[in-house]
């Protein structure tokens, strides 16, 4: 299973060679478990961010941890400006 995930990451172009990113197709399908709104990938923290509720969900070994208790509340001052601006978003509208 780990070999398959590592292979997907290498060929996806997301997350670089050894990063914790996820394939674009998976990122497009994931939604916030709390708000059911799209998530965006933050390269700075290597996590998925829900702008709707201000929560960041970690990605561990290429696997998004979308259990609400694993989420981390973001500060309102830094959630978009410092940590992960909209230009880092997977979901560009």
Protein backbone atom coordinates (compact mmCIF):
# COMPACT_ATOMS: atom_id res chain seq x y z
CA UNK A 1 0.00 0.00 0.00
CA UNK A 2 2.80 2.43 0.85
CA UNK A 3 4.57 1.66 -2.43
CA UNK A 4 1.39 2.43 -4.35
CA UNK A 5 0.89 5.72 -2.50
CA UNK A 6 4.54 6.70 -3.01
CA UNK A 7 4.28 5.87 -6.70
CA UNK A 8 1.13 7.98 -7.07
CA UNK A 9 2.83 10.90 -5.36
CA UNK A 10 5.92 10.68 -7.57
CA UNK A 11 3.88 10.63 -10.76
CA UNK A 12 1.22 13.13 -9.71
CA UNK A 13 3.47 16.18 -9.72
CA UNK A 14 1.99 17.26 -6.40
CA UNK A 15 4.04 17.24 -3.27
CA UNK A 16 7.40 16.90 -5.03
CA UNK A 17 9.68 13.93 -4.64
CA UNK A 18 9.27 13.20 -0.96
CA UNK A 19 6.60 15.59 0.18
CA UNK A 20 3.35 14.77 1.86
CA UNK A 21 1.16 16.07 -0.95
CA UNK A 22 -1.71 14.18 -2.46
CA UNK A 23 -2.71 13.47 -6.08
CA UNK A 24 -4.73 16.20 -7.79
CA UNK A 25 -7.66 13.87 -8.49
CA UNK A 26 -7.95 13.04 -4.81
CA UNK A 27 -7.64 16.67 -3.77
CA UNK A 28 -10.47 17.62 -6.13
CA UNK A 29 -12.76 14.99 -4.60
CA UNK A 30 -12.16 15.78 -0.93
CA UNK A 31 -14.42 18.06 1.08
CA UNK A 32 -14.34 19.31 4.65
CA UNK A 33 -15.95 16.76 7.00
CA UNK A 34 -17.57 19.60 8.95
CA UNK A 35 -18.85 22.02 6.30
CA UNK A 36 -18.88 19.73 3.23
CA UNK A 37 -17.16 22.57 1.29
CA UNK A 38 -14.04 22.05 -0.90
CA UNK A 39 -10.64 21.92 0.75
CA UNK A 40 -7.49 23.61 -0.54
CA UNK A 41 -3.93 22.35 -0.24
CA UNK A 42 -1.48 24.52 1.67
CA UNK A 43 2.12 23.95 0.56
CA UNK A 44 3.54 25.82 3.58
CA UNK A 45 2.00 23.51 6.16
CA UNK A 46 1.45 20.46 3.92
CA UNK A 47 -2.17 20.28 5.00
CA UNK A 48 -5.69 20.62 3.63
CA UNK A 49 -7.46 23.79 4.71
CA UNK A 50 -11.17 24.41 5.04
CA UNK A 51 -11.73 28.14 4.57
CA UNK A 52 -15.40 27.70 5.45
CA UNK A 53 -14.69 26.76 9.07
CA UNK A 54 -11.05 27.86 9.47
CA UNK A 55 -9.62 24.41 10.14
CA UNK A 56 -6.45 22.76 8.82
CA UNK A 57 -6.34 18.98 8.39
CA UNK A 58 -2.92 17.25 8.31
CA UNK A 59 -1.64 14.90 5.62
CA UNK A 60 0.35 12.03 7.12
CA UNK A 61 2.35 9.76 4.80
CA UNK A 62 0.26 11.00 1.88
CA UNK A 63 -3.04 10.22 3.61
CA UNK A 64 -5.37 13.12 4.51
CA UNK A 65 -6.54 12.94 8.13
CA UNK A 66 -10.07 14.28 7.87
CA UNK A 67 -11.35 13.21 11.26
CA UNK A 68 -12.69 16.40 12.87
CA UNK A 69 -10.64 15.84 16.06
CA UNK A 70 -7.44 15.84 13.95
CA UNK A 71 -8.20 19.31 12.60
CA UNK A 72 -6.37 22.38 13.88
CA UNK A 73 -8.12 25.73 14.23
CA UNK A 74 -6.47 28.51 12.25
CA UNK A 75 -5.95 32.03 13.52
CA UNK A 76 -8.13 34.47 11.61
CA UNK A 77 -5.18 36.82 11.07
CA UNK A 78 -2.87 34.25 9.51
CA UNK A 79 -5.09 31.63 7.85
CA UNK A 80 -5.00 33.35 4.46
CA UNK A 81 -2.34 36.03 4.64
CA UNK A 82 0.70 34.28 6.12
CA UNK A 83 0.26 30.52 6.04
CA UNK A 84 -1.57 29.65 2.87
CA UNK A 85 -2.71 32.30 0.48
CA UNK A 86 -5.31 31.59 -2.15
CA UNK A 87 -2.56 31.29 -4.76
CA UNK A 88 -1.56 27.95 -3.15
CA UNK A 89 -5.05 26.59 -3.57
CA UNK A 90 -5.94 23.48 -5.50
CA UNK A 91 -9.45 24.80 -5.97
CA UNK A 92 -9.24 27.93 -8.04
CA UNK A 93 -12.59 29.44 -8.92
